[in-house]
Amino acid sequence: MTLARHVAALDLLRGRPFRDGGHHLAELSAADASEEQTEAERTALAGRLADRWGPPQHIGLGSLLLRSERGEHIPAPWDLLSETAADVELWRADGRWIVLGVVRTGEDEHRILVCVTAVDPP
C-alpha cells in the first residue's frame, strides 16, 4: 500500500462516527512486510501526519500492559493496543486521538496498526 493510500485510509477512519466502542482500528501495509519495512512505512506515514498536526507523542505501551496484568482496568482501545504494539505515535486532532503502531501478524509479517479514538490514553 502506498503512503497516499495509508493517508486516505486514515482519513476515512477519522471521518466515521464512533459506535459503542468509541474507536476504529485498521491494519495497513502490504502482506509479508518485514518489521524493518513496516517501521519505515510507519515513519513515513508519521512524517506526513506531522506535516498536518505537528510532531507526534511517542509512548511505550509496556507500562499499560503491566498495569493490566496487575489487575487494573485499561479502557479500550488502549488495552488492545498495549497487547499488540510495543510503542505508538499519537496525535490529538479534531477531538480524536490518531494512533500508529506496528504489530506482528505472522511469523515474519508486520503491519501498521492505525487507531482513531475519542478515549484518552490512561
Protein backbone atom coordinates (compact mmCIF):
# COMPACT_ATOMS: atom_id res chain seq x y z
CA MET A 1 0.00 0.00 0.00
CA THR A 2 1.35 3.41 -0.88
CA LEU A 3 1.73 6.27 1.52
CA ALA A 4 -1.11 8.14 -0.18
CA ARG A 5 -3.38 5.14 0.33
CA HIS A 6 -2.40 4.93 4.01
CA VAL A 7 -3.34 8.59 4.47
CA ALA A 8 -6.63 8.07 2.60
CA ALA A 9 -7.50 5.05 4.76
CA LEU A 10 -6.72 7.03 7.91
CA ASP A 11 -8.86 9.95 6.72
CA LEU A 12 -11.77 7.55 6.14
CA LEU A 13 -11.45 6.25 9.69
CA ARG A 14 -11.28 9.78 11.08
CA GLY A 15 -14.47 10.71 9.25
CA ARG A 16 -16.57 7.81 10.53
CA PRO A 17 -18.81 8.28 13.54
CA PHE A 18 -18.00 6.15 16.56
CA ARG A 19 -20.32 3.43 17.66
CA ASP A 20 -20.32 1.76 21.07
CA GLY A 21 -16.55 1.28 21.38
CA GLY A 22 -15.50 4.87 20.75
CA HIS A 23 -12.73 3.82 18.38
CA HIS A 24 -11.84 2.47 14.96
CA LEU A 25 -8.94 0.08 14.28
CA ALA A 26 -7.38 -0.90 10.97
CA GLU A 27 -4.24 -2.67 9.79
CA LEU A 28 -2.33 -1.10 6.93
CA SER A 29 0.53 -2.41 4.81
CA ALA A 30 1.34 -4.98 2.24
CA ALA A 31 1.38 -8.62 3.32
CA ASP A 32 4.72 -10.25 4.08
CA ALA A 33 6.32 -6.96 5.13
CA SER A 34 9.29 -7.31 7.47
CA GLU A 35 9.48 -5.40 10.71
CA GLU A 36 12.07 -3.04 9.22
CA GLN A 37 9.93 -2.33 6.16
CA THR A 38 6.86 -1.76 8.28
CA GLU A 39 8.72 0.56 10.67
CA ALA A 40 9.96 2.54 7.66
CA GLU A 41 6.38 2.83 6.37
CA ARG A 42 5.16 3.96 9.80
CA THR A 43 7.93 6.56 9.95
CA ALA A 44 6.96 7.87 6.51
CA LEU A 45 3.28 7.98 7.46
CA ALA A 46 4.13 9.71 10.74
CA GLY A 47 6.09 12.30 8.77
CA ARG A 48 3.09 13.01 6.59
CA LEU A 49 0.83 13.31 9.63
CA ALA A 50 3.36 15.54 11.39
CA ASP A 51 3.03 17.94 8.45
CA ARG A 52 -0.66 18.23 9.37
CA TRP A 53 -0.64 18.12 13.18
CA GLY A 54 2.93 18.65 14.31
CA PRO A 55 5.31 16.14 15.84
CA PRO A 56 3.71 13.08 17.43
CA GLN A 57 3.90 12.00 21.02
CA HIS A 58 5.85 8.76 21.19
CA ILE A 59 4.82 6.50 24.03
CA GLY A 60 5.75 2.98 25.08
CA LEU A 61 2.83 0.75 26.00
CA GLY A 62 4.70 -1.67 28.24
CA SER A 63 3.52 0.09 31.39
CA LEU A 64 -0.12 -0.21 30.30
CA LEU A 65 0.34 -3.92 29.72
CA LEU A 66 1.96 -4.31 33.12
CA ARG A 67 -0.84 -2.36 34.81
CA SER A 68 -3.39 -4.58 33.08
CA GLU A 69 -1.57 -7.74 34.18
CA ARG A 70 -1.71 -6.42 37.75
CA GLY A 71 -5.49 -6.17 37.51
CA GLU A 72 -6.01 -2.52 36.62
CA HIS A 73 -8.76 -1.86 34.11
CA ILE A 74 -7.30 -0.33 30.94
CA PRO A 75 -10.05 1.08 28.69
CA ALA A 76 -10.49 0.03 25.07
CA PRO A 77 -8.78 0.52 22.71
CA TRP A 78 -5.70 1.10 24.86
CA ASP A 79 -5.93 -2.40 26.33
CA LEU A 80 -5.76 -3.95 22.85
CA LEU A 81 -3.06 -1.57 21.70
CA SER A 82 -0.86 -2.44 24.69
CA GLU A 83 -1.28 -6.16 23.97
CA THR A 84 -0.30 -5.83 20.31
CA ALA A 85 2.18 -2.94 19.95
CA ALA A 86 5.26 -2.12 22.00
CA ASP A 87 5.00 1.59 21.31
CA VAL A 88 2.88 4.07 19.38
CA GLU A 89 2.97 7.52 17.94
CA LEU A 90 -0.08 9.63 18.54
CA TRP A 91 -1.63 12.98 17.73
CA ARG A 92 -4.70 14.80 19.02
CA ALA A 93 -6.70 16.33 16.17
CA ASP A 94 -10.31 17.45 15.97
CA GLY A 95 -11.15 15.93 19.35
CA ARG A 96 -9.79 12.49 18.46
CA TRP A 97 -6.57 10.61 19.05
CA ILE A 98 -4.81 9.23 15.98
CA VAL A 99 -2.52 6.34 16.91
CA LEU A 100 0.10 4.50 14.81
CA GLY A 101 1.80 1.30 15.93
CA VAL A 102 3.46 -1.74 14.39
CA VAL A 103 2.02 -5.19 15.10
CA ARG A 104 3.22 -8.65 14.27
CA THR A 105 0.64 -10.51 12.19
CA GLY A 106 2.58 -13.65 11.35
CA GLU A 107 5.96 -15.35 11.66
CA ASP A 108 7.75 -12.62 9.73
CA GLU A 109 4.84 -10.35 8.85
CA HIS A 110 4.20 -6.95 10.36
CA ARG A 111 1.58 -4.30 9.71
CA ILE A 112 0.88 -0.75 10.69
CA LEU A 113 -1.94 -0.60 13.20
CA VAL A 114 -3.99 2.58 12.99
CA CYS A 115 -6.43 3.58 15.68
CA VAL A 116 -8.73 6.58 15.82
CA THR A 117 -10.35 7.07 19.21
CA ALA A 118 -12.07 9.57 21.45
CA VAL A 119 -10.79 7.72 24.53
CA ASP A 120 -7.87 9.48 26.21
CA PRO A 121 -4.77 7.40 26.92
CA PRO A 122 -4.77 6.16 30.51
